[in-house]
Amino acid sequence: MSLYNFDSTDTNNIMRTKPQIDKLMVKFGIQEKMNNLFKYILANHTCEDLDIENKNISINSKNLKYSKTEFDYHKFQAPILNDNKTQIGYFALVVTNDSEIIDEYFVIN
């Protein structure tokens, strides 16, 4: 069972198989990095800063989307969920081939 959604029609993706991406996620510790950084952002920013009504939100780091960026980095994206488990946005990490975090995105719809 795969941990992410993969668009096999995306011709920019170099890694073509789910097992390759699953292996990369484990190697880079993506789920742990996403969870820790998301908690850090919530703890260190106000609701107004984040454009949210309250901090009763979470990410589903087991439901990741993977893509390659135009600079050949790896982007992992998880849905941001409210109390009702409705998706209100997404949280994404962009990492290099050496697992260095290049950027993160906290996007509220």
Protein backbone atom coordinates (compact mmCIF):
# COMPACT_ATOMS: atom_id res chain seq x y z
CA MET A 1 0.00 0.00 0.00
CA SER A 2 1.39 3.37 -1.01
CA LEU A 3 1.52 6.37 1.29
CA TYR A 4 0.85 9.01 -1.33
CA ASN A 5 -1.01 9.93 -4.48
CA PHE A 6 1.08 9.91 -7.64
CA ASP A 7 0.13 11.40 -10.97
CA SER A 8 1.67 8.99 -13.47
CA THR A 9 0.63 11.28 -16.33
CA ASP A 10 3.01 14.00 -15.10
CA THR A 11 5.86 13.84 -17.59
CA ASN A 12 8.12 15.95 -15.36
CA ASN A 13 8.39 13.21 -12.74
CA ILE A 14 11.64 11.29 -13.04
CA MET A 15 10.71 8.77 -10.38
CA ARG A 16 7.94 6.77 -11.98
CA THR A 17 6.98 4.10 -9.48
CA LYS A 18 5.26 4.17 -6.12
CA PRO A 19 7.92 1.94 -4.49
CA GLN A 20 10.66 4.40 -5.54
CA ILE A 21 8.83 7.31 -3.96
CA ASP A 22 7.89 5.34 -0.83
CA LYS A 23 11.57 4.45 -0.41
CA LEU A 24 12.55 8.11 -0.81
CA MET A 25 9.95 9.19 1.77
CA VAL A 26 11.33 6.72 4.31
CA LYS A 27 14.96 7.59 3.53
CA PHE A 28 14.28 11.33 3.97
CA GLY A 29 11.93 10.90 6.97
CA ILE A 30 9.32 13.02 5.19
CA GLN A 31 6.35 12.21 7.44
CA GLU A 32 8.27 13.10 10.60
CA LYS A 33 9.69 16.27 9.07
CA MET A 34 6.26 17.36 7.89
CA ASN A 35 4.61 16.71 11.24
CA ASN A 36 7.36 18.47 13.22
CA LEU A 37 7.48 21.52 10.97
CA PHE A 38 3.69 21.83 10.88
CA LYS A 39 3.57 21.77 14.71
CA TYR A 40 6.37 24.35 14.85
CA ILE A 41 4.51 26.69 12.48
CA LEU A 42 1.29 26.40 14.51
CA ALA A 43 3.13 27.04 17.77
CA ASN A 44 5.04 30.07 16.49
CA HIS A 45 2.40 31.94 14.47
CA THR A 46 -0.95 33.47 15.31
CA CYS A 47 -4.23 32.44 13.70
CA GLU A 48 -4.21 35.78 11.93
CA ASP A 49 -0.70 35.13 10.57
CA LEU A 50 -1.85 31.78 9.20
CA ASP A 51 -5.25 33.00 7.97
CA ILE A 52 -7.14 30.42 10.04
CA GLU A 53 -10.03 30.72 12.50
CA ASN A 54 -8.46 28.52 15.17
CA LYS A 55 -5.52 26.17 15.63
CA ASN A 56 -7.67 23.04 15.76
CA ILE A 57 -6.24 21.88 12.46
CA SER A 58 -4.01 19.00 11.43
CA ILE A 59 -2.29 17.47 8.44
CA ASN A 60 -2.68 13.98 7.09
CA SER A 61 0.96 13.08 6.44
CA LYS A 62 -0.08 9.58 5.40
CA ASN A 63 -1.95 10.97 2.40
CA LEU A 64 0.86 12.67 0.49
CA LYS A 65 1.05 13.87 -3.08
CA TYR A 66 4.46 13.76 -4.73
CA SER A 67 5.83 15.79 -7.60
CA LYS A 68 9.13 17.08 -8.95
CA THR A 69 9.65 20.83 -9.10
CA GLU A 70 10.97 22.69 -12.10
CA PHE A 71 14.37 22.76 -10.35
CA ASP A 72 14.36 18.97 -9.94
CA TYR A 73 13.57 19.05 -6.21
CA HIS A 74 11.09 16.73 -4.50
CA LYS A 75 7.76 18.19 -3.36
CA PHE A 76 5.61 16.34 -0.84
CA GLN A 77 2.15 17.75 -0.12
CA ALA A 78 -0.34 16.85 2.63
CA PRO A 79 -3.89 18.12 3.11
CA ILE A 80 -4.62 20.48 6.02
CA LEU A 81 -7.81 19.37 7.79
CA ASN A 82 -10.11 21.23 10.17
CA ASP A 83 -12.02 19.76 13.15
CA ASN A 84 -14.60 18.24 10.80
CA LYS A 85 -11.83 16.53 8.78
CA THR A 86 -12.63 18.78 5.84
CA GLN A 87 -9.68 19.83 3.73
CA ILE A 88 -9.05 23.56 4.10
CA GLY A 89 -5.68 23.77 2.39
CA TYR A 90 -2.37 22.00 2.09
CA PHE A 91 1.08 21.87 3.65
CA ALA A 92 4.04 21.01 1.45
CA LEU A 93 7.77 20.46 1.80
CA VAL A 94 10.30 20.86 -0.97
CA VAL A 95 13.53 18.94 -0.43
CA THR A 96 16.77 18.35 -2.34
CA ASN A 97 18.22 14.96 -3.28
CA ASP A 98 20.21 15.24 -0.01
CA SER A 99 17.01 15.65 2.07
CA GLU A 100 17.68 19.34 2.75
CA ILE A 101 14.45 21.33 3.17
CA ILE A 102 14.43 24.09 0.56
CA ASP A 103 10.96 25.48 1.21
CA GLU A 104 7.65 24.80 2.88
CA TYR A 105 4.17 25.95 1.95
CA PHE A 106 1.26 26.54 4.32
CA VAL A 107 -1.69 27.27 2.03
CA ILE A 108 -5.26 27.87 3.16
CA ASN A 109 -7.96 27.78 0.47
